[in-house]
Amino acid sequence: MESTSRDDVDRRPTGSAVLRESVTETIRRAVFEELAQTGFARMSMEAVTRRARVGKAALYRRWPSKEAMVVELVSEAAAEHLPATAGSGSLRDDVERFVRDTMADLRHPLVGRIVPDLVAESARNPSLSAALHEAVLAPRRAAVATVLQQAIDRGELPADIDMSLAVDLFGAPLYFRMLAVGGPTDEAYVARLTRAVLAALAASR
């Protein structure tokens, strides 16, 4: 059994800190549920307080605006599901792992409703678009680029690939399938998509 050091005990939140963490988690759930139900444009701070059963001060102590709140919470959730960068030693295995992990994330009912809404809203809201790109998209693209660079270093991809295009190819077909057009995503689809992405990556010079 793993022992607990004195320093670990000292670092554990207690009292009001535990209460604050509990309230923040309650608010987080309320934000995602409200986003999924009403969308970003119609969502209000007041609606979140009602769903979370907290006062307005609980929100405004943490975030100055709806946009700041959504960007921070969405980016935190996205950071927990970044593509794995510990390479398997095989680009094929890395692509298949990415496909399976992303499919699992996108199957979450809240994710499937929130992501398309934020993409659509970003087209109308330059400020939200820039914030989400920096906080959510940029780290994901950087993680995929790391995986691709490892494949280049192993000689599985040519050194002169268009990295930006290759990053697009890595995930775009799956996002389009699951969030736009639908269709089966069974084992046969995983195998076909993996082969297609590998072929496209090899040709992305």
N, C-alpha and C. Protein backbone atom coordinates (compact mmCIF):
# COMPACT_ATOMS: atom_id res chain seq x y z
N MET A 1 0.85 -1.21 0.00
CA MET A 1 0.00 0.00 0.00
C MET A 1 0.88 1.24 0.00
N GLU A 2 0.52 2.21 -0.82
CA GLU A 2 1.35 3.40 -0.98
C GLU A 2 1.24 4.28 0.25
N SER A 3 2.36 4.71 0.77
CA SER A 3 2.35 5.55 1.96
C SER A 3 2.07 6.99 1.60
N THR A 4 1.60 7.75 2.58
CA THR A 4 1.29 9.16 2.38
C THR A 4 2.26 9.99 3.20
N SER A 5 2.97 10.89 2.53
CA SER A 5 3.97 11.69 3.22
C SER A 5 3.31 12.85 3.94
N ARG A 6 4.05 13.44 4.86
CA ARG A 6 3.56 14.61 5.59
C ARG A 6 3.29 15.76 4.63
N ASP A 7 4.18 15.90 3.61
CA ASP A 7 3.99 16.98 2.64
C ASP A 7 2.69 16.80 1.87
N ASP A 8 2.36 15.51 1.52
CA ASP A 8 1.12 15.25 0.79
C ASP A 8 -0.08 15.65 1.63
N VAL A 9 -0.03 15.32 2.92
CA VAL A 9 -1.12 15.68 3.81
C VAL A 9 -1.26 17.19 3.89
N ASP A 10 -0.13 17.87 4.02
CA ASP A 10 -0.17 19.33 4.15
C ASP A 10 -0.73 20.00 2.91
N ARG A 11 -0.53 19.35 1.73
CA ARG A 11 -1.00 19.97 0.50
C ARG A 11 -2.47 19.71 0.23
N ARG A 12 -3.08 18.79 0.95
CA ARG A 12 -4.48 18.51 0.71
C ARG A 12 -5.35 19.69 1.12
N PRO A 13 -6.32 20.05 0.26
CA PRO A 13 -7.20 21.17 0.62
C PRO A 13 -8.08 20.79 1.80
N THR A 14 -8.32 21.74 2.67
CA THR A 14 -9.17 21.49 3.83
C THR A 14 -10.13 22.65 4.00
N GLY A 15 -11.16 22.45 4.82
CA GLY A 15 -12.07 23.53 5.18
C GLY A 15 -12.65 24.26 4.00
N SER A 16 -12.46 25.57 3.98
CA SER A 16 -13.06 26.40 2.94
C SER A 16 -12.51 26.06 1.56
N ALA A 17 -11.25 25.56 1.49
CA ALA A 17 -10.69 25.19 0.19
C ALA A 17 -11.45 24.01 -0.41
N VAL A 18 -11.80 23.04 0.42
CA VAL A 18 -12.60 21.90 -0.05
C VAL A 18 -13.97 22.38 -0.53
N LEU A 19 -14.56 23.28 0.21
CA LEU A 19 -15.86 23.83 -0.16
C LEU A 19 -15.78 24.55 -1.50
N ARG A 20 -14.72 25.35 -1.69
CA ARG A 20 -14.56 26.08 -2.96
C ARG A 20 -14.41 25.10 -4.12
N GLU A 21 -13.64 24.03 -3.92
CA GLU A 21 -13.48 23.04 -4.98
C GLU A 21 -14.81 22.38 -5.31
N SER A 22 -15.60 22.09 -4.29
CA SER A 22 -16.91 21.47 -4.49
C SER A 22 -17.83 22.39 -5.28
N VAL A 23 -17.82 23.67 -4.94
CA VAL A 23 -18.67 24.64 -5.64
C VAL A 23 -18.20 24.78 -7.09
N THR A 24 -16.90 24.84 -7.31
CA THR A 24 -16.37 24.96 -8.67
C THR A 24 -16.78 23.77 -9.52
N GLU A 25 -16.72 22.56 -8.95
CA GLU A 25 -17.12 21.37 -9.69
C GLU A 25 -18.61 21.40 -10.02
N THR A 26 -19.42 21.88 -9.07
CA THR A 26 -20.86 22.00 -9.32
C THR A 26 -21.12 22.98 -10.46
N ILE A 27 -20.41 24.10 -10.44
CA ILE A 27 -20.56 25.09 -11.50
C ILE A 27 -20.11 24.50 -12.84
N ARG A 28 -19.00 23.79 -12.82
CA ARG A 28 -18.48 23.19 -14.05
C ARG A 28 -19.54 22.29 -14.70
N ARG A 29 -20.14 21.43 -13.92
CA ARG A 29 -21.18 20.54 -14.47
C ARG A 29 -22.34 21.35 -15.02
N ALA A 30 -22.73 22.39 -14.30
CA ALA A 30 -23.85 23.21 -14.74
C ALA A 30 -23.54 23.92 -16.06
N VAL A 31 -22.33 24.40 -16.20
CA VAL A 31 -21.93 25.09 -17.44
C VAL A 31 -22.04 24.15 -18.62
N PHE A 32 -21.50 22.94 -18.49
CA PHE A 32 -21.53 22.00 -19.61
C PHE A 32 -22.96 21.56 -19.93
N GLU A 33 -23.77 21.35 -18.91
CA GLU A 33 -25.16 20.97 -19.15
C GLU A 33 -25.93 22.10 -19.82
N GLU A 34 -25.68 23.32 -19.39
CA GLU A 34 -26.36 24.48 -19.99
C GLU A 34 -25.90 24.69 -21.43
N LEU A 35 -24.61 24.54 -21.67
CA LEU A 35 -24.09 24.66 -23.03
C LEU A 35 -24.75 23.64 -23.95
N ALA A 36 -24.84 22.40 -23.47
CA ALA A 36 -25.42 21.34 -24.29
C ALA A 36 -26.90 21.59 -24.57
N GLN A 37 -27.60 22.15 -23.60
CA GLN A 37 -29.04 22.34 -23.76
C GLN A 37 -29.39 23.58 -24.55
N THR A 38 -28.71 24.70 -24.29
CA THR A 38 -29.13 25.96 -24.91
C THR A 38 -28.14 26.52 -25.92
N GLY A 39 -26.87 26.09 -25.87
CA GLY A 39 -25.86 26.65 -26.76
C GLY A 39 -25.23 27.90 -26.16
N PHE A 40 -24.06 28.27 -26.70
CA PHE A 40 -23.30 29.38 -26.14
C PHE A 40 -24.06 30.70 -26.25
N ALA A 41 -24.66 30.97 -27.40
CA ALA A 41 -25.27 32.27 -27.63
C ALA A 41 -26.41 32.55 -26.65
N ARG A 42 -27.22 31.53 -26.35
CA ARG A 42 -28.37 31.72 -25.47
C ARG A 42 -28.03 31.51 -24.00
N MET A 43 -26.91 30.90 -23.72
CA MET A 43 -26.55 30.63 -22.33
C MET A 43 -26.22 31.94 -21.61
N SER A 44 -26.61 32.03 -20.36
CA SER A 44 -26.31 33.21 -19.56
C SER A 44 -25.69 32.80 -18.23
N MET A 45 -25.00 33.73 -17.61
CA MET A 45 -24.44 33.46 -16.29
C MET A 45 -25.57 33.18 -15.30
N GLU A 46 -26.68 33.88 -15.45
CA GLU A 46 -27.80 33.68 -14.55
C GLU A 46 -28.37 32.27 -14.66
N ALA A 47 -28.44 31.76 -15.90
CA ALA A 47 -28.95 30.39 -16.09
C ALA A 47 -28.03 29.38 -15.43
N VAL A 48 -26.73 29.63 -15.49
CA VAL A 48 -25.77 28.71 -14.85
C VAL A 48 -25.95 28.74 -13.33
N THR A 49 -26.14 29.94 -12.77
CA THR A 49 -26.32 30.02 -11.31
C THR A 49 -27.59 29.27 -10.88
N ARG A 50 -28.63 29.36 -11.69
CA ARG A 50 -29.86 28.64 -11.34
C ARG A 50 -29.65 27.14 -11.40
N ARG A 51 -28.99 26.68 -12.45
CA ARG A 51 -28.76 25.24 -12.59
C ARG A 51 -27.84 24.72 -11.49
N ALA A 52 -26.81 25.51 -11.16
CA ALA A 52 -25.85 25.09 -10.13
C ALA A 52 -26.35 25.36 -8.71
N ARG A 53 -27.42 26.19 -8.61
CA ARG A 53 -27.97 26.57 -7.31
C ARG A 53 -26.91 27.29 -6.46
N VAL A 54 -26.27 28.26 -7.10
CA VAL A 54 -25.30 29.11 -6.40
C VAL A 54 -25.63 30.56 -6.69
N GLY A 55 -25.08 31.47 -5.92
CA GLY A 55 -25.28 32.89 -6.15
C GLY A 55 -24.41 33.40 -7.29
N LYS A 56 -24.79 34.55 -7.83
CA LYS A 56 -24.02 35.14 -8.92
C LYS A 56 -22.58 35.40 -8.51
N ALA A 57 -22.38 35.76 -7.24
CA ALA A 57 -21.02 36.06 -6.79
C ALA A 57 -20.10 34.87 -6.94
N ALA A 58 -20.65 33.65 -6.82
CA ALA A 58 -19.83 32.46 -6.94
C ALA A 58 -19.23 32.35 -8.34
N LEU A 59 -19.96 32.82 -9.34
CA LEU A 59 -19.44 32.81 -10.71
C LEU A 59 -18.48 33.97 -10.94
N TYR A 60 -18.91 35.16 -10.55
CA TYR A 60 -18.12 36.34 -10.89
C TYR A 60 -16.83 36.43 -10.07
N ARG A 61 -16.74 35.72 -8.96
CA ARG A 61 -15.45 35.64 -8.26
C ARG A 61 -14.45 34.82 -9.06
N ARG A 62 -14.96 33.94 -9.90
CA ARG A 62 -14.09 33.03 -10.65
C ARG A 62 -13.83 33.52 -12.08
N TRP A 63 -14.84 34.11 -12.72
CA TRP A 63 -14.70 34.52 -14.12
C TRP A 63 -15.40 35.86 -14.32
N PRO A 64 -14.81 36.73 -15.12
CA PRO A 64 -15.41 38.05 -15.34
C PRO A 64 -16.55 38.05 -16.35
N SER A 65 -16.66 36.98 -17.15
CA SER A 65 -17.67 36.97 -18.21
C SER A 65 -18.01 35.53 -18.59
N LYS A 66 -19.10 35.41 -19.34
CA LYS A 66 -19.51 34.09 -19.85
C LYS A 66 -18.43 33.50 -20.74
N GLU A 67 -17.87 34.32 -21.62
CA GLU A 67 -16.85 33.81 -22.54
C GLU A 67 -15.63 33.30 -21.78
N ALA A 68 -15.16 34.07 -20.80
CA ALA A 68 -14.00 33.64 -20.02
C ALA A 68 -14.28 32.33 -19.29
N MET A 69 -15.49 32.21 -18.76
CA MET A 69 -15.88 30.99 -18.04
C MET A 69 -15.88 29.79 -18.98
N VAL A 70 -16.52 29.92 -20.12
CA VAL A 70 -16.62 28.81 -21.05
C VAL A 70 -15.25 28.41 -21.59
N VAL A 71 -14.45 29.39 -21.98
CA VAL A 71 -13.13 29.09 -22.53
C VAL A 71 -12.27 28.36 -21.51
N GLU A 72 -12.27 28.83 -20.27
CA GLU A 72 -11.44 28.19 -19.26
C GLU A 72 -11.89 26.75 -18.99
N LEU A 73 -13.19 26.54 -18.81
CA LEU A 73 -13.68 25.21 -18.48
C LEU A 73 -13.55 24.25 -19.65
N VAL A 74 -13.81 24.72 -20.86
CA VAL A 74 -13.66 23.86 -22.04
C VAL A 74 -12.19 23.51 -22.25
N SER A 75 -11.31 24.48 -22.06
CA SER A 75 -9.88 24.21 -22.26
C SER A 75 -9.36 23.23 -21.22
N GLU A 76 -9.85 23.33 -19.99
CA GLU A 76 -9.45 22.38 -18.94
C GLU A 76 -9.90 20.97 -19.31
N ALA A 77 -11.14 20.85 -19.78
CA ALA A 77 -11.64 19.53 -20.17
C ALA A 77 -10.86 18.99 -21.36
N ALA A 78 -10.56 19.85 -22.33
CA ALA A 78 -9.81 19.41 -23.51
C ALA A 78 -8.40 18.97 -23.14
N ALA A 79 -7.79 19.66 -22.17
CA ALA A 79 -6.43 19.32 -21.76
C ALA A 79 -6.35 17.92 -21.16
N GLU A 80 -7.46 17.46 -20.59
CA GLU A 80 -7.48 16.11 -20.02
C GLU A 80 -7.57 15.03 -21.09
N HIS A 81 -7.84 15.45 -22.33
CA HIS A 81 -8.02 14.48 -23.42
C HIS A 81 -7.15 14.83 -24.62
N LEU A 82 -5.98 15.37 -24.37
CA LEU A 82 -5.06 15.65 -25.47
C LEU A 82 -4.57 14.35 -26.09
N PRO A 83 -4.30 14.34 -27.39
CA PRO A 83 -3.76 13.13 -28.02
C PRO A 83 -2.47 12.70 -27.33
N ALA A 84 -2.31 11.40 -27.17
CA ALA A 84 -1.10 10.87 -26.54
C ALA A 84 0.11 11.18 -27.41
N THR A 85 1.18 11.66 -26.80
CA THR A 85 2.40 11.97 -27.55
C THR A 85 3.52 10.98 -27.25
N ALA A 86 3.28 10.06 -26.32
CA ALA A 86 4.27 9.00 -26.06
C ALA A 86 4.12 7.99 -27.19
N GLY A 87 4.95 8.14 -28.20
CA GLY A 87 4.82 7.34 -29.41
C GLY A 87 4.90 5.85 -29.14
N SER A 88 4.15 5.09 -29.94
CA SER A 88 4.15 3.64 -29.80
C SER A 88 5.31 3.01 -30.58
N GLY A 89 5.98 3.83 -31.41
CA GLY A 89 7.02 3.29 -32.28
C GLY A 89 6.51 2.95 -33.65
N SER A 90 5.22 3.16 -33.89
CA SER A 90 4.59 2.86 -35.18
C SER A 90 3.57 3.93 -35.49
N LEU A 91 3.69 4.56 -36.64
CA LEU A 91 2.71 5.58 -37.03
C LEU A 91 1.33 4.97 -37.17
N ARG A 92 1.26 3.78 -37.71
CA ARG A 92 -0.04 3.13 -37.85
C ARG A 92 -0.71 2.97 -36.48
N ASP A 93 0.04 2.52 -35.51
CA ASP A 93 -0.53 2.35 -34.17
C ASP A 93 -0.92 3.68 -33.56
N ASP A 94 -0.11 4.72 -33.82
CA ASP A 94 -0.42 6.04 -33.28
C ASP A 94 -1.71 6.59 -33.90
N VAL A 95 -1.88 6.40 -35.22
CA VAL A 95 -3.09 6.87 -35.88
C VAL A 95 -4.32 6.12 -35.35
N GLU A 96 -4.20 4.80 -35.24
CA GLU A 96 -5.34 4.02 -34.75
C GLU A 96 -5.68 4.40 -33.31
N ARG A 97 -4.66 4.61 -32.49
CA ARG A 97 -4.92 5.02 -31.10
C ARG A 97 -5.63 6.37 -31.08
N PHE A 98 -5.19 7.31 -31.91
CA PHE A 98 -5.84 8.61 -31.98
C PHE A 98 -7.30 8.46 -32.39
N VAL A 99 -7.56 7.65 -33.40
CA VAL A 99 -8.93 7.44 -33.87
C VAL A 99 -9.80 6.88 -32.75
N ARG A 100 -9.31 5.87 -32.08
CA ARG A 100 -10.12 5.23 -31.02
C ARG A 100 -10.33 6.18 -29.84
N ASP A 101 -9.28 6.87 -29.42
CA ASP A 101 -9.42 7.79 -28.29
C ASP A 101 -10.38 8.93 -28.62
N THR A 102 -10.26 9.48 -29.85
CA THR A 102 -11.12 10.58 -30.25
C THR A 102 -12.57 10.14 -30.38
N MET A 103 -12.77 8.95 -30.93
CA MET A 103 -14.12 8.41 -31.02
C MET A 103 -14.75 8.29 -29.64
N ALA A 104 -13.98 7.80 -28.67
CA ALA A 104 -14.50 7.65 -27.31
C ALA A 104 -14.89 9.01 -26.73
N ASP A 105 -14.06 10.04 -26.98
CA ASP A 105 -14.37 11.38 -26.47
C ASP A 105 -15.63 11.94 -27.12
N LEU A 106 -15.74 11.80 -28.45
CA LEU A 106 -16.85 12.41 -29.18
C LEU A 106 -18.17 11.69 -28.94
N ARG A 107 -18.12 10.46 -28.45
CA ARG A 107 -19.36 9.74 -28.16
C ARG A 107 -20.04 10.23 -26.89
N HIS A 108 -19.34 11.00 -26.09
CA HIS A 108 -19.97 11.54 -24.88
C HIS A 108 -21.11 12.46 -25.31
N PRO A 109 -22.31 12.27 -24.77
CA PRO A 109 -23.46 13.04 -25.25
C PRO A 109 -23.30 14.55 -25.13
N LEU A 110 -22.64 15.02 -24.07
CA LEU A 110 -22.45 16.47 -23.94
C LEU A 110 -21.45 16.98 -24.97
N VAL A 111 -20.37 16.24 -25.18
CA VAL A 111 -19.36 16.65 -26.16
C VAL A 111 -19.96 16.74 -27.55
N GLY A 112 -20.77 15.75 -27.90
CA GLY A 112 -21.37 15.73 -29.23
C GLY A 112 -22.30 16.89 -29.50
N ARG A 113 -22.81 17.53 -28.44
CA ARG A 113 -23.69 18.69 -28.62
C ARG A 113 -22.94 20.00 -28.44
N ILE A 114 -21.94 20.01 -27.58
CA ILE A 114 -21.23 21.26 -27.28
C ILE A 114 -20.25 21.64 -28.38
N VAL A 115 -19.48 20.67 -28.87
CA VAL A 115 -18.43 21.00 -29.85
C VAL A 115 -19.01 21.62 -31.12
N PRO A 116 -20.03 21.03 -31.76
CA PRO A 116 -20.57 21.68 -32.97
C PRO A 116 -21.10 23.08 -32.70
N ASP A 117 -21.71 23.28 -31.53
CA ASP A 117 -22.24 24.60 -31.20
C ASP A 117 -21.11 25.62 -31.08
N LEU A 118 -20.02 25.25 -30.41
CA LEU A 118 -18.91 26.20 -30.25
C LEU A 118 -18.21 26.47 -31.58
N VAL A 119 -18.15 25.47 -32.45
CA VAL A 119 -17.57 25.69 -33.78
C VAL A 119 -18.42 26.68 -34.56
N ALA A 120 -19.73 26.49 -34.52
CA ALA A 120 -20.63 27.41 -35.24
C ALA A 120 -20.57 28.81 -34.65
N GLU A 121 -20.56 28.92 -33.33
CA GLU A 121 -20.51 30.22 -32.69
C GLU A 121 -19.20 30.94 -32.97
N SER A 122 -18.12 30.18 -33.06
CA SER A 122 -16.81 30.78 -33.33
C SER A 122 -16.78 31.48 -34.68
N ALA A 123 -17.56 30.98 -35.64
CA ALA A 123 -17.62 31.61 -36.96
C ALA A 123 -18.25 32.99 -36.89
N ARG A 124 -19.07 33.23 -35.86
CA ARG A 124 -19.73 34.52 -35.70
C ARG A 124 -19.09 35.40 -34.64
N ASN A 125 -18.20 34.83 -33.85
CA ASN A 125 -17.65 35.52 -32.69
C ASN A 125 -16.12 35.46 -32.74
N PRO A 126 -15.47 36.46 -33.33
CA PRO A 126 -14.01 36.41 -33.47
C PRO A 126 -13.27 36.28 -32.14
N SER A 127 -13.79 36.92 -31.10
CA SER A 127 -13.13 36.85 -29.80
C SER A 127 -13.15 35.42 -29.25
N LEU A 128 -14.32 34.78 -29.32
CA LEU A 128 -14.43 33.39 -28.87
C LEU A 128 -13.57 32.48 -29.73
N SER A 129 -13.58 32.71 -31.03
CA SER A 129 -12.78 31.89 -31.94
C SER A 129 -11.30 31.96 -31.58
N ALA A 130 -10.79 33.16 -31.35
CA ALA A 130 -9.37 33.32 -31.03
C ALA A 130 -9.03 32.66 -29.69
N ALA A 131 -9.92 32.83 -28.73
CA ALA A 131 -9.66 32.26 -27.40
C ALA A 131 -9.67 30.74 -27.44
N LEU A 132 -10.63 30.14 -28.13
CA LEU A 132 -10.70 28.69 -28.22
C LEU A 132 -9.55 28.12 -29.04
N HIS A 133 -9.13 28.86 -30.06
CA HIS A 133 -7.99 28.39 -30.86
C HIS A 133 -6.74 28.31 -30.00
N GLU A 134 -6.51 29.34 -29.22
CA GLU A 134 -5.31 29.36 -28.38
C GLU A 134 -5.38 28.34 -27.25
N ALA A 135 -6.55 28.21 -26.63
CA ALA A 135 -6.66 27.39 -25.43
C ALA A 135 -6.96 25.92 -25.73
N VAL A 136 -7.63 25.65 -26.85
CA VAL A 136 -8.08 24.28 -27.13
C VAL A 136 -7.42 23.71 -28.38
N LEU A 137 -7.56 24.39 -29.50
CA LEU A 137 -7.07 23.84 -30.76
C LEU A 137 -5.55 23.80 -30.84
N ALA A 138 -4.89 24.88 -30.43
CA ALA A 138 -3.43 24.92 -30.54
C ALA A 138 -2.74 23.79 -29.78
N PRO A 139 -3.12 23.51 -28.52
CA PRO A 139 -2.48 22.38 -27.83
C PRO A 139 -2.75 21.04 -28.49
N ARG A 140 -3.96 20.83 -29.04
CA ARG A 140 -4.26 19.57 -29.73
C ARG A 140 -3.42 19.43 -30.98
N ARG A 141 -3.31 20.50 -31.74
CA ARG A 141 -2.53 20.45 -32.97
C ARG A 141 -1.05 20.24 -32.66
N ALA A 142 -0.58 20.85 -31.58
CA ALA A 142 0.82 20.67 -31.20
C ALA A 142 1.09 19.23 -30.81
N ALA A 143 0.14 18.60 -30.12
CA ALA A 143 0.32 17.19 -29.72
C ALA A 143 0.37 16.29 -30.96
N VAL A 144 -0.52 16.53 -31.93
CA VAL A 144 -0.51 15.74 -33.15
C VAL A 144 0.79 15.98 -33.93
N ALA A 145 1.24 17.22 -33.98
CA ALA A 145 2.49 17.53 -34.68
C ALA A 145 3.67 16.79 -34.04
N THR A 146 3.65 16.64 -32.73
CA THR A 146 4.71 15.89 -32.05
C THR A 146 4.71 14.44 -32.50
N VAL A 147 3.53 13.83 -32.59
CA VAL A 147 3.42 12.44 -33.06
C VAL A 147 3.93 12.32 -34.49
N LEU A 148 3.57 13.28 -35.33
CA LEU A 148 4.02 13.26 -36.72
C LEU A 148 5.53 13.43 -36.83
N GLN A 149 6.09 14.32 -36.01
CA GLN A 149 7.54 14.52 -36.05
C GLN A 149 8.27 13.25 -35.62
N GLN A 150 7.71 12.52 -34.67
CA GLN A 150 8.32 11.26 -34.26
C GLN A 150 8.32 10.27 -35.43
N ALA A 151 7.24 10.28 -36.22
CA ALA A 151 7.18 9.39 -37.38
C ALA A 151 8.20 9.81 -38.43
N ILE A 152 8.39 11.11 -38.60
CA ILE A 152 9.43 11.60 -39.52
C ILE A 152 10.81 11.15 -39.05
N ASP A 153 11.06 11.30 -37.76
CA ASP A 153 12.36 10.91 -37.20
C ASP A 153 12.62 9.42 -37.36
N ARG A 154 11.56 8.61 -37.35
CA ARG A 154 11.72 7.16 -37.54
C ARG A 154 11.81 6.79 -39.02
N GLY A 155 11.60 7.75 -39.91
CA GLY A 155 11.64 7.47 -41.34
C GLY A 155 10.34 6.95 -41.91
N GLU A 156 9.24 7.04 -41.14
CA GLU A 156 7.95 6.56 -41.63
C GLU A 156 7.24 7.59 -42.49
N LEU A 157 7.61 8.85 -42.36
CA LEU A 157 7.06 9.91 -43.18
C LEU A 157 8.20 10.72 -43.77
N PRO A 158 8.00 11.28 -44.97
CA PRO A 158 9.05 12.12 -45.55
C PRO A 158 9.24 13.40 -44.74
N ALA A 159 10.46 13.89 -44.73
CA ALA A 159 10.77 15.07 -43.92
C ALA A 159 10.12 16.34 -44.47
N ASP A 160 9.72 16.31 -45.74
CA ASP A 160 9.20 17.53 -46.36
C ASP A 160 7.68 17.56 -46.41
N ILE A 161 7.00 16.82 -45.50
CA ILE A 161 5.54 16.90 -45.52
C ILE A 161 5.09 18.29 -45.12
N ASP A 162 3.92 18.64 -45.59
CA ASP A 162 3.27 19.89 -45.16
C ASP A 162 2.69 19.61 -43.77
N MET A 163 3.36 20.06 -42.71
CA MET A 163 2.97 19.69 -41.36
C MET A 163 1.56 20.16 -41.02
N SER A 164 1.22 21.37 -41.43
CA SER A 164 -0.11 21.89 -41.13
C SER A 164 -1.19 21.04 -41.79
N LEU A 165 -0.98 20.68 -43.05
CA LEU A 165 -1.93 19.83 -43.76
C LEU A 165 -1.99 18.45 -43.11
N ALA A 166 -0.84 17.92 -42.74
CA ALA A 166 -0.80 16.60 -42.11
C ALA A 166 -1.57 16.58 -40.80
N VAL A 167 -1.46 17.64 -40.01
CA VAL A 167 -2.22 17.72 -38.76
C VAL A 167 -3.71 17.73 -39.06
N ASP A 168 -4.12 18.48 -40.10
CA ASP A 168 -5.53 18.50 -40.49
C ASP A 168 -6.01 17.09 -40.84
N LEU A 169 -5.21 16.38 -41.61
CA LEU A 169 -5.61 15.05 -42.07
C LEU A 169 -5.72 14.05 -40.93
N PHE A 170 -4.96 14.28 -39.88
CA PHE A 170 -4.92 13.34 -38.77
C PHE A 170 -6.30 13.17 -38.13
N GLY A 171 -7.02 14.28 -37.98
CA GLY A 171 -8.28 14.17 -37.24
C GLY A 171 -9.53 14.62 -37.97
N ALA A 172 -9.38 15.45 -39.01
CA ALA A 172 -10.56 16.05 -39.64
C ALA A 172 -11.59 15.05 -40.14
N PRO A 173 -11.19 13.96 -40.81
CA PRO A 173 -12.22 13.03 -41.31
C PRO A 173 -13.09 12.46 -40.20
N LEU A 174 -12.50 12.16 -39.05
CA LEU A 174 -13.26 11.57 -37.96
C LEU A 174 -14.21 12.60 -37.34
N TYR A 175 -13.72 13.83 -37.15
CA TYR A 175 -14.60 14.87 -36.60
C TYR A 175 -15.79 15.10 -37.53
N PHE A 176 -15.52 15.14 -38.84
CA PHE A 176 -16.59 15.37 -39.80
C PHE A 176 -17.60 14.23 -39.76
N ARG A 177 -17.10 13.01 -39.67
CA ARG A 177 -17.98 11.84 -39.65
C ARG A 177 -18.89 11.85 -38.41
N MET A 178 -18.31 12.12 -37.25
CA MET A 178 -19.05 11.98 -36.01
C MET A 178 -19.88 13.20 -35.64
N LEU A 179 -19.44 14.39 -36.06
CA LEU A 179 -20.14 15.60 -35.63
C LEU A 179 -20.98 16.24 -36.73
N ALA A 180 -20.78 15.81 -37.99
CA ALA A 180 -21.52 16.46 -39.08
C ALA A 180 -22.43 15.48 -39.82
N VAL A 181 -21.85 14.46 -40.44
CA VAL A 181 -22.65 13.61 -41.32
C VAL A 181 -23.15 12.34 -40.65
N GLY A 182 -22.51 11.90 -39.58
CA GLY A 182 -22.92 10.66 -38.93
C GLY A 182 -22.48 9.44 -39.73
N GLY A 183 -23.00 8.30 -39.34
CA GLY A 183 -22.63 7.05 -40.00
C GLY A 183 -21.93 6.12 -39.03
N PRO A 184 -21.82 4.85 -39.40
CA PRO A 184 -21.23 3.86 -38.49
C PRO A 184 -19.75 4.14 -38.22
N THR A 185 -19.34 3.87 -37.00
CA THR A 185 -17.93 4.00 -36.61
C THR A 185 -17.51 2.70 -35.94
N ASP A 186 -17.76 1.59 -36.63
CA ASP A 186 -17.44 0.27 -36.10
C ASP A 186 -15.99 -0.08 -36.37
N GLU A 187 -15.61 -1.33 -36.06
CA GLU A 187 -14.23 -1.76 -36.24
C GLU A 187 -13.78 -1.65 -37.70
N ALA A 188 -14.69 -1.98 -38.62
CA ALA A 188 -14.34 -1.88 -40.04
C ALA A 188 -14.04 -0.43 -40.43
N TYR A 189 -14.81 0.49 -39.88
CA TYR A 189 -14.56 1.90 -40.17
C TYR A 189 -13.23 2.35 -39.60
N VAL A 190 -12.92 1.94 -38.37
CA VAL A 190 -11.63 2.29 -37.77
C VAL A 190 -10.48 1.82 -38.65
N ALA A 191 -10.57 0.60 -39.15
CA ALA A 191 -9.50 0.06 -39.99
C ALA A 191 -9.38 0.84 -41.30
N ARG A 192 -10.53 1.13 -41.94
CA ARG A 192 -10.50 1.87 -43.21
C ARG A 192 -9.97 3.28 -43.01
N LEU A 193 -10.43 3.94 -41.95
CA LEU A 193 -9.98 5.31 -41.70
C LEU A 193 -8.49 5.34 -41.39
N THR A 194 -8.01 4.40 -40.62
CA THR A 194 -6.58 4.36 -40.31
C THR A 194 -5.76 4.22 -41.58
N ARG A 195 -6.17 3.32 -42.48
CA ARG A 195 -5.44 3.15 -43.74
C ARG A 195 -5.51 4.42 -44.59
N ALA A 196 -6.67 5.04 -44.63
CA ALA A 196 -6.84 6.25 -45.45
C ALA A 196 -5.98 7.39 -44.92
N VAL A 197 -5.96 7.58 -43.60
CA VAL A 197 -5.15 8.65 -43.01
C VAL A 197 -3.67 8.41 -43.27
N LEU A 198 -3.22 7.17 -43.14
CA LEU A 198 -1.81 6.86 -43.40
C LEU A 198 -1.45 7.18 -44.85
N ALA A 199 -2.31 6.83 -45.77
CA ALA A 199 -2.03 7.10 -47.18
C ALA A 199 -2.01 8.60 -47.45
N ALA A 200 -2.95 9.33 -46.84
CA ALA A 200 -3.00 10.78 -47.03
C ALA A 200 -1.78 11.46 -46.42
N LEU A 201 -1.36 10.98 -45.26
CA LEU A 201 -0.17 11.58 -44.60
C LEU A 201 1.06 11.38 -45.48
N ALA A 202 1.21 10.22 -46.05
CA ALA A 202 2.38 9.94 -46.89
C ALA A 202 2.41 10.84 -48.12
N ALA A 203 1.22 11.28 -48.56
CA ALA A 203 1.15 12.11 -49.77
C ALA A 203 1.07 13.59 -49.49
N SER A 204 1.16 13.99 -48.21
CA SER A 204 0.93 15.39 -47.87
C SER A 204 2.20 16.23 -47.96
N ARG A 205 2.84 16.20 -49.12
CA ARG A 205 4.05 17.01 -49.33
C ARG A 205 3.68 18.36 -49.90
